[in-house]
């Protein structure tokens, strides 16, 4: 950390902690006490109102805040929860930046607002889960892809599809020009132009492996804007299922991406889903056991029946 950054950081630490000894500041910034003395002198000469109390430490004169930004309690809570979200969902680089941002935001808040903000934030929490362990590789890829997007460099990776191709193969290698990243229903999705398909395709980071960054460059099309981009919807197959009352709430809360409509009946739910291929729903339907019955199409009913028969042979 250079001297300029350290001077600003010292002011922020004093705003956040009110009183700190030179020894405390030296430990925080991993420097000598003598250097802290010189830094405090430089701040005083620059007009920063630092007060030194013998035996107690340094503090800022009451009413001194840097920078001159004010937030309401609700605004401060919003910003701090935002840093929690970034740390939870983004890669390690932005995770560390979010922690630094959180410290700076807390430092510039007046004590009454900081206390009230802290009280309110205790009522909000982003919980880690078992999925977070599996997401570690996804976060590592997120950082590499983000870098490739900014530097306009292509990437290559092995991609595993949910449904096998006509030849039975579920994996292939893709070389793509990465256009943008989208967080969709808790999963990161890459929007990219695929050289294999010669078109824009979407790739879940959780299904990638062996990702490498290439030296090959690409140019983002002038007419491509991620914030207005709408992928073509080619889901033209309707699947209807009947859901038994005892699991109706669970199915409703599953928030399956393919659900189009849910009709309530006293005997259960009639759920309509729209997909590209019915097989996209196979594992989801089987996961509900006897609580779900496929009504149509008939070909998908047969597919579920055959899968259950094959499963029964193993028991």
C-alpha atoms as a PDB file:
ATOM      1  CA  UNK A   1       0.000   0.000   0.000  1.00  0.00           C
ATOM      2  CA  UNK A   2       1.477   3.370  -1.006  1.00  0.00           C
ATOM      3  CA  UNK A   3       1.505   6.388   1.303  1.00  0.00           C
ATOM      4  CA  UNK A   4      -1.460   8.145  -0.328  1.00  0.00           C
ATOM      5  CA  UNK A   5      -3.687   5.077  -0.003  1.00  0.00           C
ATOM      6  CA  UNK A   6      -2.526   4.540   3.570  1.00  0.00           C
ATOM      7  CA  UNK A   7      -3.348   8.127   4.582  1.00  0.00           C
ATOM      8  CA  UNK A   8      -6.896   7.766   3.262  1.00  0.00           C
ATOM      9  CA  UNK A   9      -7.226   4.372   4.918  1.00  0.00           C
ATOM     10  CA  UNK A  10      -6.082   5.825   8.270  1.00  0.00           C
ATOM     11  CA  UNK A  11      -8.833   8.465   8.086  1.00  0.00           C
ATOM     12  CA  UNK A  12     -11.400   5.755   7.315  1.00  0.00           C
ATOM     13  CA  UNK A  13     -10.183   3.632  10.228  1.00  0.00           C
ATOM     14  CA  UNK A  14     -10.448   6.601  12.597  1.00  0.00           C
ATOM     15  CA  UNK A  15     -13.963   7.338  11.364  1.00  0.00           C
ATOM     16  CA  UNK A  16     -14.982   3.737  11.960  1.00  0.00           C
ATOM     17  CA  UNK A  17     -13.272   3.177  15.325  1.00  0.00           C
ATOM     18  CA  UNK A  18     -13.269   6.732  16.763  1.00  0.00           C
ATOM     19  CA  UNK A  19     -10.064   6.254  18.798  1.00  0.00           C
ATOM     20  CA  UNK A  20      -6.985   4.237  17.799  1.00  0.00           C
ATOM     21  CA  UNK A  21      -3.445   4.140  19.147  1.00  0.00           C
ATOM     22  CA  UNK A  22      -0.435   4.437  16.859  1.00  0.00           C
ATOM     23  CA  UNK A  23       0.370   0.815  17.734  1.00  0.00           C
ATOM     24  CA  UNK A  24      -3.117  -0.252  16.563  1.00  0.00           C
ATOM     25  CA  UNK A  25      -2.739   1.566  13.250  1.00  0.00           C
ATOM     26  CA  UNK A  26       0.754   0.142  12.762  1.00  0.00           C
ATOM     27  CA  UNK A  27      -0.640  -3.382  13.221  1.00  0.00           C
ATOM     28  CA  UNK A  28      -3.535  -2.767  10.823  1.00  0.00           C
ATOM     29  CA  UNK A  29      -1.303  -1.435   8.038  1.00  0.00           C
ATOM     30  CA  UNK A  30       1.685  -3.654   8.818  1.00  0.00           C
ATOM     31  CA  UNK A  31       4.106  -0.789   9.204  1.00  0.00           C
ATOM     32  CA  UNK A  32       6.133   0.811  11.999  1.00  0.00           C
ATOM     33  CA  UNK A  33       4.824   3.100  14.721  1.00  0.00           C
ATOM     34  CA  UNK A  34       7.287   5.743  13.538  1.00  0.00           C
ATOM     35  CA  UNK A  35       5.704   5.641  10.060  1.00  0.00           C
ATOM     36  CA  UNK A  36       2.259   6.125  11.618  1.00  0.00           C
ATOM     37  CA  UNK A  37       3.542   9.185  13.485  1.00  0.00           C
ATOM     38  CA  UNK A  38       4.730  10.653  10.185  1.00  0.00           C
ATOM     39  CA  UNK A  39       1.414   9.817   8.528  1.00  0.00           C
ATOM     40  CA  UNK A  40      -0.568  11.540  11.276  1.00  0.00           C
ATOM     41  CA  UNK A  41       1.665  14.597  10.896  1.00  0.00           C
ATOM     42  CA  UNK A  42       1.061  14.595   7.123  1.00  0.00           C
ATOM     43  CA  UNK A  43      -2.708  14.395   7.641  1.00  0.00           C
ATOM     44  CA  UNK A  44      -2.636  17.304  10.088  1.00  0.00           C
ATOM     45  CA  UNK A  45      -0.612  19.408   7.661  1.00  0.00           C
ATOM     46  CA  UNK A  46      -3.137  18.583   4.936  1.00  0.00           C
ATOM     47  CA  UNK A  47      -5.977  19.984   7.058  1.00  0.00           C
ATOM     48  CA  UNK A  48      -7.435  16.732   8.412  1.00  0.00           C
ATOM     49  CA  UNK A  49      -8.630  17.351  11.963  1.00  0.00           C
ATOM     50  CA  UNK A  50      -6.747  14.592  13.809  1.00  0.00           C
ATOM     51  CA  UNK A  51      -6.672  14.893  17.602  1.00  0.00           C
ATOM     52  CA  UNK A  52      -4.016  13.111  19.652  1.00  0.00           C
ATOM     53  CA  UNK A  53      -4.728  12.336  23.316  1.00  0.00           C
ATOM     54  CA  UNK A  54      -1.718  11.132  25.351  1.00  0.00           C
ATOM     55  CA  UNK A  55      -2.231   7.605  26.597  1.00  0.00           C
ATOM     56  CA  UNK A  56      -5.435   7.167  24.583  1.00  0.00           C
ATOM     57  CA  UNK A  57      -4.680   7.516  20.872  1.00  0.00           C
ATOM     58  CA  UNK A  58      -5.829   9.428  17.842  1.00  0.00           C
ATOM     59  CA  UNK A  59      -9.333  10.468  16.833  1.00  0.00           C
ATOM     60  CA  UNK A  60     -11.029  12.792  14.378  1.00  0.00           C
ATOM     61  CA  UNK A  61     -12.604  16.047  15.459  1.00  0.00           C
ATOM     62  CA  UNK A  62     -16.351  15.582  15.902  1.00  0.00           C
ATOM     63  CA  UNK A  63     -18.259  16.377  12.731  1.00  0.00           C
ATOM     64  CA  UNK A  64     -15.367  15.561  10.389  1.00  0.00           C
ATOM     65  CA  UNK A  65     -16.365  13.063   7.711  1.00  0.00           C
ATOM     66  CA  UNK A  66     -14.638  11.962   4.516  1.00  0.00           C
ATOM     67  CA  UNK A  67     -15.918  11.880   1.878  1.00  0.00           C
ATOM     68  CA  UNK A  68     -18.895  14.274   2.226  1.00  0.00           C
ATOM     69  CA  UNK A  69     -21.534  11.653   1.467  1.00  0.00           C
ATOM     70  CA  UNK A  70     -24.626  11.040   3.554  1.00  0.00           C
ATOM     71  CA  UNK A  71     -26.939   8.029   3.504  1.00  0.00           C
ATOM     72  CA  UNK A  72     -30.273   7.323   5.091  1.00  0.00           C
ATOM     73  CA  UNK A  73     -30.494   4.137   7.161  1.00  0.00           C
ATOM     74  CA  UNK A  74     -32.346   2.378   4.334  1.00  0.00           C
ATOM     75  CA  UNK A  75     -29.747   3.459   1.764  1.00  0.00           C
ATOM     76  CA  UNK A  76     -26.890   2.291   3.973  1.00  0.00           C
ATOM     77  CA  UNK A  77     -28.565  -1.081   4.600  1.00  0.00           C
ATOM     78  CA  UNK A  78     -29.102  -1.492   0.855  1.00  0.00           C
ATOM     79  CA  UNK A  79     -25.447  -0.822   0.086  1.00  0.00           C
ATOM     80  CA  UNK A  80     -24.129  -3.117   2.815  1.00  0.00           C
ATOM     81  CA  UNK A  81     -26.436  -5.989   1.899  1.00  0.00           C
ATOM     82  CA  UNK A  82     -25.260  -5.442  -1.670  1.00  0.00           C
ATOM     83  CA  UNK A  83     -21.649  -6.001  -0.587  1.00  0.00           C
ATOM     84  CA  UNK A  84     -22.741  -9.189   1.206  1.00  0.00           C
ATOM     85  CA  UNK A  85     -24.403 -10.379  -2.004  1.00  0.00           C
ATOM     86  CA  UNK A  86     -21.306  -9.647  -4.102  1.00  0.00           C
ATOM     87  CA  UNK A  87     -19.076 -11.506  -1.661  1.00  0.00           C
ATOM     88  CA  UNK A  88     -21.439 -14.490  -1.683  1.00  0.00           C
ATOM     89  CA  UNK A  89     -22.083 -14.794  -5.412  1.00  0.00           C
ATOM     90  CA  UNK A  90     -19.106 -13.301  -7.239  1.00  0.00           C
ATOM     91  CA  UNK A  91     -15.507 -14.467  -7.639  1.00  0.00           C
ATOM     92  CA  UNK A  92     -12.683 -14.012  -5.129  1.00  0.00           C
ATOM     93  CA  UNK A  93     -11.444 -10.763  -6.679  1.00  0.00           C
ATOM     94  CA  UNK A  94     -14.781  -8.995  -6.323  1.00  0.00           C
ATOM     95  CA  UNK A  95     -15.312 -10.720  -2.987  1.00  0.00           C
ATOM     96  CA  UNK A  96     -12.256  -8.948  -1.559  1.00  0.00           C
ATOM     97  CA  UNK A  97     -13.323  -5.652  -3.151  1.00  0.00           C
ATOM     98  CA  UNK A  98     -16.778  -5.980  -1.619  1.00  0.00           C
ATOM     99  CA  UNK A  99     -15.254  -6.409   1.848  1.00  0.00           C
ATOM    100  CA  UNK A 100     -13.099  -3.328   1.308  1.00  0.00           C
ATOM    101  CA  UNK A 101     -16.126  -1.371   0.093  1.00  0.00           C
ATOM    102  CA  UNK A 102     -18.116  -2.469   3.122  1.00  0.00           C
ATOM    103  CA  UNK A 103     -15.414  -1.123   5.429  1.00  0.00           C
ATOM    104  CA  UNK A 104     -15.348   2.224   3.639  1.00  0.00           C
ATOM    105  CA  UNK A 105     -19.127   2.571   3.688  1.00  0.00           C
ATOM    106  CA  UNK A 106     -19.281   1.771   7.398  1.00  0.00           C
ATOM    107  CA  UNK A 107     -16.473   4.247   8.059  1.00  0.00           C
ATOM    108  CA  UNK A 108     -18.264   7.252   6.563  1.00  0.00           C
ATOM    109  CA  UNK A 109     -21.543   6.637   8.373  1.00  0.00           C
ATOM    110  CA  UNK A 110     -22.244   8.846  11.393  1.00  0.00           C
ATOM    111  CA  UNK A 111     -22.445   6.807  14.592  1.00  0.00           C
ATOM    112  CA  UNK A 112     -26.276   6.933  14.989  1.00  0.00           C
ATOM    113  CA  UNK A 113     -26.833   5.705  11.420  1.00  0.00           C
ATOM    114  CA  UNK A 114     -24.051   3.110  11.723  1.00  0.00           C
ATOM    115  CA  UNK A 115     -25.623   1.690  14.891  1.00  0.00           C
ATOM    116  CA  UNK A 116     -29.125   1.588  13.408  1.00  0.00           C
ATOM    117  CA  UNK A 117     -27.810   0.044  10.181  1.00  0.00           C
ATOM    118  CA  UNK A 118     -26.002  -2.650  12.154  1.00  0.00           C
ATOM    119  CA  UNK A 119     -29.186  -3.408  14.103  1.00  0.00           C
ATOM    120  CA  UNK A 120     -31.265  -3.785  10.942  1.00  0.00           C
ATOM    121  CA  UNK A 121     -28.665  -5.881   9.105  1.00  0.00           C
ATOM    122  CA  UNK A 122     -28.800  -8.461  11.885  1.00  0.00           C
ATOM    123  CA  UNK A 123     -32.248  -9.366  10.562  1.00  0.00           C
ATOM    124  CA  UNK A 124     -30.892 -10.253   7.098  1.00  0.00           C
ATOM    125  CA  UNK A 125     -28.550 -13.122   6.308  1.00  0.00           C
ATOM    126  CA  UNK A 126     -27.205 -14.867   3.221  1.00  0.00           C
ATOM    127  CA  UNK A 127     -26.759 -18.480   4.230  1.00  0.00           C
ATOM    128  CA  UNK A 128     -24.051 -20.717   2.828  1.00  0.00           C
ATOM    129  CA  UNK A 129     -25.143 -24.171   1.725  1.00  0.00           C
ATOM    130  CA  UNK A 130     -23.746 -27.429   0.448  1.00  0.00           C
ATOM    131  CA  UNK A 131     -24.119 -25.983  -3.046  1.00  0.00           C
ATOM    132  CA  UNK A 132     -21.560 -23.296  -2.156  1.00  0.00           C
ATOM    133  CA  UNK A 133     -18.862 -25.982  -1.962  1.00  0.00           C
ATOM    134  CA  UNK A 134     -19.700 -27.149  -5.478  1.00  0.00           C
ATOM    135  CA  UNK A 135     -19.754 -23.514  -6.587  1.00  0.00           C
ATOM    136  CA  UNK A 136     -16.072 -22.983  -5.746  1.00  0.00           C
ATOM    137  CA  UNK A 137     -14.998 -24.168  -9.213  1.00  0.00           C
ATOM    138  CA  UNK A 138     -17.744 -22.066 -10.754  1.00  0.00           C
ATOM    139  CA  UNK A 139     -16.383 -18.988  -8.964  1.00  0.00           C
ATOM    140  CA  UNK A 140     -12.877 -19.710 -10.257  1.00  0.00           C
ATOM    141  CA  UNK A 141     -14.231 -19.886 -13.817  1.00  0.00           C
ATOM    142  CA  UNK A 142     -16.258 -16.736 -13.197  1.00  0.00           C
ATOM    143  CA  UNK A 143     -13.094 -14.747 -12.594  1.00  0.00           C
ATOM    144  CA  UNK A 144     -11.360 -16.137 -15.707  1.00  0.00           C
ATOM    145  CA  UNK A 145     -14.401 -15.507 -17.918  1.00  0.00           C
ATOM    146  CA  UNK A 146     -14.909 -12.013 -16.555  1.00  0.00           C
ATOM    147  CA  UNK A 147     -11.302 -11.233 -17.392  1.00  0.00           C
ATOM    148  CA  UNK A 148     -11.687 -12.668 -20.903  1.00  0.00           C
ATOM    149  CA  UNK A 149     -14.812 -10.553 -21.495  1.00  0.00           C
ATOM    150  CA  UNK A 150     -13.039  -7.353 -20.482  1.00  0.00           C
ATOM    151  CA  UNK A 151      -9.955  -8.176 -22.553  1.00  0.00           C
ATOM    152  CA  UNK A 152     -12.053  -9.459 -25.495  1.00  0.00           C
ATOM    153  CA  UNK A 153     -10.252 -12.796 -25.631  1.00  0.00           C
ATOM    154  CA  UNK A 154     -11.759 -16.147 -26.558  1.00  0.00           C
ATOM    155  CA  UNK A 155     -11.970 -19.099 -24.185  1.00  0.00           C
ATOM    156  CA  UNK A 156     -12.162 -22.859 -24.635  1.00  0.00           C
ATOM    157  CA  UNK A 157     -13.775 -25.388 -22.309  1.00  0.00           C
ATOM    158  CA  UNK A 158     -15.312 -28.832 -22.161  1.00  0.00           C
ATOM    159  CA  UNK A 159     -19.076 -28.598 -21.809  1.00  0.00           C
ATOM    160  CA  UNK A 160     -21.451 -31.222 -20.440  1.00  0.00           C
ATOM    161  CA  UNK A 161     -25.016 -31.003 -21.727  1.00  0.00           C
ATOM    162  CA  UNK A 162     -27.980 -32.157 -19.712  1.00  0.00           C
ATOM    163  CA  UNK A 163     -29.306 -34.239 -22.592  1.00  0.00           C
ATOM    164  CA  UNK A 164     -27.110 -36.333 -24.879  1.00  0.00           C
ATOM    165  CA  UNK A 165     -26.747 -35.578 -28.596  1.00  0.00           C
ATOM    166  CA  UNK A 166     -28.072 -37.949 -31.236  1.00  0.00           C
ATOM    167  CA  UNK A 167     -24.837 -39.953 -31.062  1.00  0.00           C
ATOM    168  CA  UNK A 168     -25.252 -40.407 -27.306  1.00  0.00           C
ATOM    169  CA  UNK A 169     -22.445 -38.007 -26.441  1.00  0.00           C
ATOM    170  CA  UNK A 170     -23.141 -35.466 -23.704  1.00  0.00           C
ATOM    171  CA  UNK A 171     -19.777 -33.679 -23.784  1.00  0.00           C
ATOM    172  CA  UNK A 172     -17.853 -31.690 -26.360  1.00  0.00           C
ATOM    173  CA  UNK A 173     -15.238 -28.955 -26.501  1.00  0.00           C
ATOM    174  CA  UNK A 174     -16.396 -25.412 -27.224  1.00  0.00           C
ATOM    175  CA  UNK A 175     -14.409 -22.372 -28.324  1.00  0.00           C
ATOM    176  CA  UNK A 176     -16.408 -19.204 -27.775  1.00  0.00           C
ATOM    177  CA  UNK A 177     -16.237 -15.426 -27.798  1.00  0.00           C
ATOM    178  CA  UNK A 178     -17.630 -14.472 -24.351  1.00  0.00           C
ATOM    179  CA  UNK A 179     -20.130 -11.604 -24.551  1.00  0.00           C
ATOM    180  CA  UNK A 180     -21.478 -11.415 -21.003  1.00  0.00           C
ATOM    181  CA  UNK A 181     -22.426 -13.160 -17.758  1.00  0.00           C
ATOM    182  CA  UNK A 182     -25.942 -13.496 -16.347  1.00  0.00           C
ATOM    183  CA  UNK A 183     -26.953 -14.704 -12.885  1.00  0.00           C
ATOM    184  CA  UNK A 184     -30.134 -16.660 -13.579  1.00  0.00           C
ATOM    185  CA  UNK A 185     -32.077 -18.456 -10.836  1.00  0.00           C
ATOM    186  CA  UNK A 186     -28.967 -18.865  -8.715  1.00  0.00           C
ATOM    187  CA  UNK A 187     -26.709 -20.080 -11.545  1.00  0.00           C
ATOM    188  CA  UNK A 188     -24.148 -18.169 -13.586  1.00  0.00           C
ATOM    189  CA  UNK A 189     -24.718 -18.406 -17.329  1.00  0.00           C
ATOM    190  CA  UNK A 190     -22.283 -17.313 -20.036  1.00  0.00           C
ATOM    191  CA  UNK A 191     -23.726 -15.652 -23.135  1.00  0.00           C
ATOM    192  CA  UNK A 192     -21.230 -16.247 -25.945  1.00  0.00           C
ATOM    193  CA  UNK A 193     -20.834 -16.773 -29.666  1.00  0.00           C
ATOM    194  CA  UNK A 194     -20.005 -20.432 -30.164  1.00  0.00           C
ATOM    195  CA  UNK A 195     -17.673 -21.357 -33.033  1.00  0.00           C
ATOM    196  CA  UNK A 196     -19.140 -24.867 -33.182  1.00  0.00           C
ATOM    197  CA  UNK A 197     -22.737 -23.663 -33.592  1.00  0.00           C
ATOM    198  CA  UNK A 198     -21.856 -20.376 -35.333  1.00  0.00           C
ATOM    199  CA  UNK A 199     -24.382 -18.533 -33.224  1.00  0.00           C
ATOM    200  CA  UNK A 200     -24.981 -17.108 -29.768  1.00  0.00           C
ATOM    201  CA  UNK A 201     -25.387 -19.831 -27.162  1.00  0.00           C
ATOM    202  CA  UNK A 202     -25.793 -19.990 -23.380  1.00  0.00           C
ATOM    203  CA  UNK A 203     -23.504 -22.057 -21.140  1.00  0.00           C
ATOM    204  CA  UNK A 204     -23.915 -22.792 -17.440  1.00  0.00           C
ATOM    205  CA  UNK A 205     -20.609 -22.370 -15.640  1.00  0.00           C
ATOM    206  CA  UNK A 206     -21.471 -25.340 -13.438  1.00  0.00           C
ATOM    207  CA  UNK A 207     -21.287 -27.607 -16.503  1.00  0.00           C
ATOM    208  CA  UNK A 208     -17.885 -26.389 -17.653  1.00  0.00           C
ATOM    209  CA  UNK A 209     -14.529 -28.075 -17.102  1.00  0.00           C
ATOM    210  CA  UNK A 210     -10.961 -27.669 -18.346  1.00  0.00           C
ATOM    211  CA  UNK A 211     -11.498 -23.982 -19.102  1.00  0.00           C
ATOM    212  CA  UNK A 212      -8.543 -22.111 -20.631  1.00  0.00           C
ATOM    213  CA  UNK A 213      -8.109 -18.535 -21.808  1.00  0.00           C
ATOM    214  CA  UNK A 214      -6.878 -18.142 -25.387  1.00  0.00           C
ATOM    215  CA  UNK A 215      -4.752 -15.498 -27.033  1.00  0.00           C
ATOM    216  CA  UNK A 216      -7.255 -15.204 -29.888  1.00  0.00           C
ATOM    217  CA  UNK A 217      -9.129 -11.909 -29.856  1.00  0.00           C
ATOM    218  CA  UNK A 218     -12.689 -11.077 -30.814  1.00  0.00           C
ATOM    219  CA  UNK A 219     -14.671  -7.886 -31.302  1.00  0.00           C
ATOM    220  CA  UNK A 220     -18.000  -7.479 -29.581  1.00  0.00           C
ATOM    221  CA  UNK A 221     -20.672  -6.684 -32.195  1.00  0.00           C
ATOM    222  CA  UNK A 222     -21.686  -3.031 -32.055  1.00  0.00           C
ATOM    223  CA  UNK A 223     -25.370  -3.982 -31.945  1.00  0.00           C
ATOM    224  CA  UNK A 224     -25.039  -6.411 -29.013  1.00  0.00           C
ATOM    225  CA  UNK A 225     -26.163  -4.988 -25.662  1.00  0.00           C
ATOM    226  CA  UNK A 226     -26.416  -7.483 -22.829  1.00  0.00           C
ATOM    227  CA  UNK A 227     -28.959  -5.426 -20.867  1.00  0.00           C
ATOM    228  CA  UNK A 228     -31.457  -5.552 -23.757  1.00  0.00           C
ATOM    229  CA  UNK A 229     -30.506  -8.936 -25.210  1.00  0.00           C
ATOM    230  CA  UNK A 230     -33.382 -11.394 -25.386  1.00  0.00           C
ATOM    231  CA  UNK A 231     -32.571 -14.992 -26.353  1.00  0.00           C
ATOM    232  CA  UNK A 232     -34.927 -16.654 -28.823  1.00  0.00           C
ATOM    233  CA  UNK A 233     -37.460 -18.891 -27.106  1.00  0.00           C
ATOM    234  CA  UNK A 234     -37.592 -22.198 -28.958  1.00  0.00           C
ATOM    235  CA  UNK A 235     -39.473 -24.115 -26.272  1.00  0.00           C
ATOM    236  CA  UNK A 236     -42.454 -25.352 -28.268  1.00  0.00           C
ATOM    237  CA  UNK A 237     -43.366 -28.628 -26.515  1.00  0.00           C
ATOM    238  CA  UNK A 238     -46.034 -28.565 -23.800  1.00  0.00           C
ATOM    239  CA  UNK A 239     -45.934 -31.081 -20.954  1.00  0.00           C
ATOM    240  CA  UNK A 240     -48.836 -31.414 -18.526  1.00  0.00           C
ATOM    241  CA  UNK A 241     -48.573 -33.144 -15.179  1.00  0.00           C
ATOM    242  CA  UNK A 242     -50.921 -33.847 -12.297  1.00  0.00           C
ATOM    243  CA  UNK A 243     -49.611 -33.170  -8.796  1.00  0.00           C
ATOM    244  CA  UNK A 244     -51.047 -34.864  -5.699  1.00  0.00           C
ATOM    245  CA  UNK A 245     -52.205 -32.542  -2.880  1.00  0.00           C
ATOM    246  CA  UNK A 246     -49.599 -33.728  -0.338  1.00  0.00           C
ATOM    247  CA  UNK A 247     -46.695 -32.341  -2.398  1.00  0.00           C
ATOM    248  CA  UNK A 248     -48.537 -29.474  -4.129  1.00  0.00           C
ATOM    249  CA  UNK A 249     -46.807 -26.785  -2.050  1.00  0.00           C
ATOM    250  CA  UNK A 250     -43.363 -28.296  -2.648  1.00  0.00           C
ATOM    251  CA  UNK A 251     -43.869 -28.418  -6.412  1.00  0.00           C
ATOM    252  CA  UNK A 252     -45.134 -24.845  -6.418  1.00  0.00           C
ATOM    253  CA  UNK A 253     -42.116 -23.680  -4.408  1.00  0.00           C
ATOM    254  CA  UNK A 254     -39.646 -25.519  -6.650  1.00  0.00           C
ATOM    255  CA  UNK A 255     -39.856 -22.580  -9.108  1.00  0.00           C
ATOM    256  CA  UNK A 256     -39.058 -24.793 -12.063  1.00  0.00           C
ATOM    257  CA  UNK A 257     -37.939 -22.591 -14.951  1.00  0.00           C
ATOM    258  CA  UNK A 258     -40.151 -24.456 -17.438  1.00  0.00           C
ATOM    259  CA  UNK A 259     -43.455 -23.975 -15.581  1.00  0.00           C
ATOM    260  CA  UNK A 260     -45.971 -21.989 -17.623  1.00  0.00           C
ATOM    261  CA  UNK A 261     -49.155 -22.265 -15.579  1.00  0.00           C
ATOM    262  CA  UNK A 262     -50.382 -23.825 -12.327  1.00  0.00           C
ATOM    263  CA  UNK A 263     -54.097 -24.530 -11.894  1.00  0.00           C
ATOM    264  CA  UNK A 264     -55.410 -25.200  -8.400  1.00  0.00           C
ATOM    265  CA  UNK A 265     -57.956 -27.977  -7.915  1.00  0.00           C
ATOM    266  CA  UNK A 266     -59.305 -29.518  -4.738  1.00  0.00           C
ATOM    267  CA  UNK A 267     -57.730 -32.826  -5.767  1.00  0.00           C
ATOM    268  CA  UNK A 268     -54.303 -31.337  -6.575  1.00  0.00           C
ATOM    269  CA  UNK A 269     -52.524 -29.197  -9.160  1.00  0.00           C
ATOM    270  CA  UNK A 270     -52.569 -29.232 -12.937  1.00  0.00           C
ATOM    271  CA  UNK A 271     -49.166 -27.944 -14.047  1.00  0.00           C
ATOM    272  CA  UNK A 272     -48.245 -27.025 -17.617  1.00  0.00           C
ATOM    273  CA  UNK A 273     -44.582 -26.761 -18.591  1.00  0.00           C
ATOM    274  CA  UNK A 274     -43.027 -25.648 -21.881  1.00  0.00           C
ATOM    275  CA  UNK A 275     -39.750 -27.247 -22.996  1.00  0.00           C
ATOM    276  CA  UNK A 276     -37.577 -27.931 -26.032  1.00  0.00           C
ATOM    277  CA  UNK A 277     -37.535 -31.660 -25.310  1.00  0.00           C
ATOM    278  CA  UNK A 278     -39.618 -33.501 -22.688  1.00  0.00           C
ATOM    279  CA  UNK A 279     -36.432 -35.290 -21.554  1.00  0.00           C
ATOM    280  CA  UNK A 280     -35.362 -32.005 -19.952  1.00  0.00           C
ATOM    281  CA  UNK A 281     -37.972 -32.747 -17.285  1.00  0.00           C
ATOM    282  CA  UNK A 282     -37.281 -36.463 -16.812  1.00  0.00           C
ATOM    283  CA  UNK A 283     -35.195 -36.305 -13.627  1.00  0.00           C
ATOM    284  CA  UNK A 284     -37.380 -33.563 -12.157  1.00  0.00           C
ATOM    285  CA  UNK A 285     -40.551 -35.619 -12.692  1.00  0.00           C
ATOM    286  CA  UNK A 286     -38.985 -38.827 -11.376  1.00  0.00           C
ATOM    287  CA  UNK A 287     -37.779 -36.979  -8.300  1.00  0.00           C
ATOM    288  CA  UNK A 288     -41.354 -36.462  -7.127  1.00  0.00           C
ATOM    289  CA  UNK A 289     -42.085 -40.195  -7.173  1.00  0.00           C
ATOM    290  CA  UNK A 290     -45.720 -41.239  -7.169  1.00  0.00           C
ATOM    291  CA  UNK A 291     -46.775 -37.721  -6.246  1.00  0.00           C
ATOM    292  CA  UNK A 292     -46.621 -36.618  -9.887  1.00  0.00           C
ATOM    293  CA  UNK A 293     -48.311 -38.163 -12.920  1.00  0.00           C
ATOM    294  CA  UNK A 294     -47.506 -37.168 -16.514  1.00  0.00           C
ATOM    295  CA  UNK A 295     -50.711 -36.573 -18.492  1.00  0.00           C
ATOM    296  CA  UNK A 296     -49.232 -35.632 -21.859  1.00  0.00           C
ATOM    297  CA  UNK A 297     -47.563 -36.018 -24.264  1.00  0.00           C
ATOM    298  CA  UNK A 298     -48.039 -39.774 -24.444  1.00  0.00           C
ATOM    299  CA  UNK A 299     -44.467 -40.288 -25.643  1.00  0.00           C
ATOM    300  CA  UNK A 300     -43.168 -38.719 -22.436  1.00  0.00           C
ATOM    301  CA  UNK A 301     -45.497 -40.894 -20.344  1.00  0.00           C
ATOM    302  CA  UNK A 302     -43.921 -43.908 -22.037  1.00  0.00           C
ATOM    303  CA  UNK A 303     -40.431 -42.529 -21.381  1.00  0.00           C
ATOM    304  CA  UNK A 304     -41.159 -42.124 -17.652  1.00  0.00           C
ATOM    305  CA  UNK A 305     -42.733 -45.588 -17.496  1.00  0.00           C
ATOM    306  CA  UNK A 306     -39.706 -47.193 -19.154  1.00  0.00           C
ATOM    307  CA  UNK A 307     -37.315 -45.384 -16.815  1.00  0.00           C
ATOM    308  CA  UNK A 308     -39.240 -46.634 -13.773  1.00  0.00           C
ATOM    309  CA  UNK A 309     -39.212 -50.190 -15.109  1.00  0.00           C
ATOM    310  CA  UNK A 310     -35.446 -50.034 -15.616  1.00  0.00           C
ATOM    311  CA  UNK A 311     -35.063 -48.683 -12.098  1.00  0.00           C
ATOM    312  CA  UNK A 312     -37.201 -51.502 -10.663  1.00  0.00           C
ATOM    313  CA  UNK A 313     -34.927 -54.103 -12.281  1.00  0.00           C
ATOM    314  CA  UNK A 314     -32.088 -52.844 -10.105  1.00  0.00           C
ATOM    315  CA  UNK A 315     -33.934 -53.582  -6.877  1.00  0.00           C
END
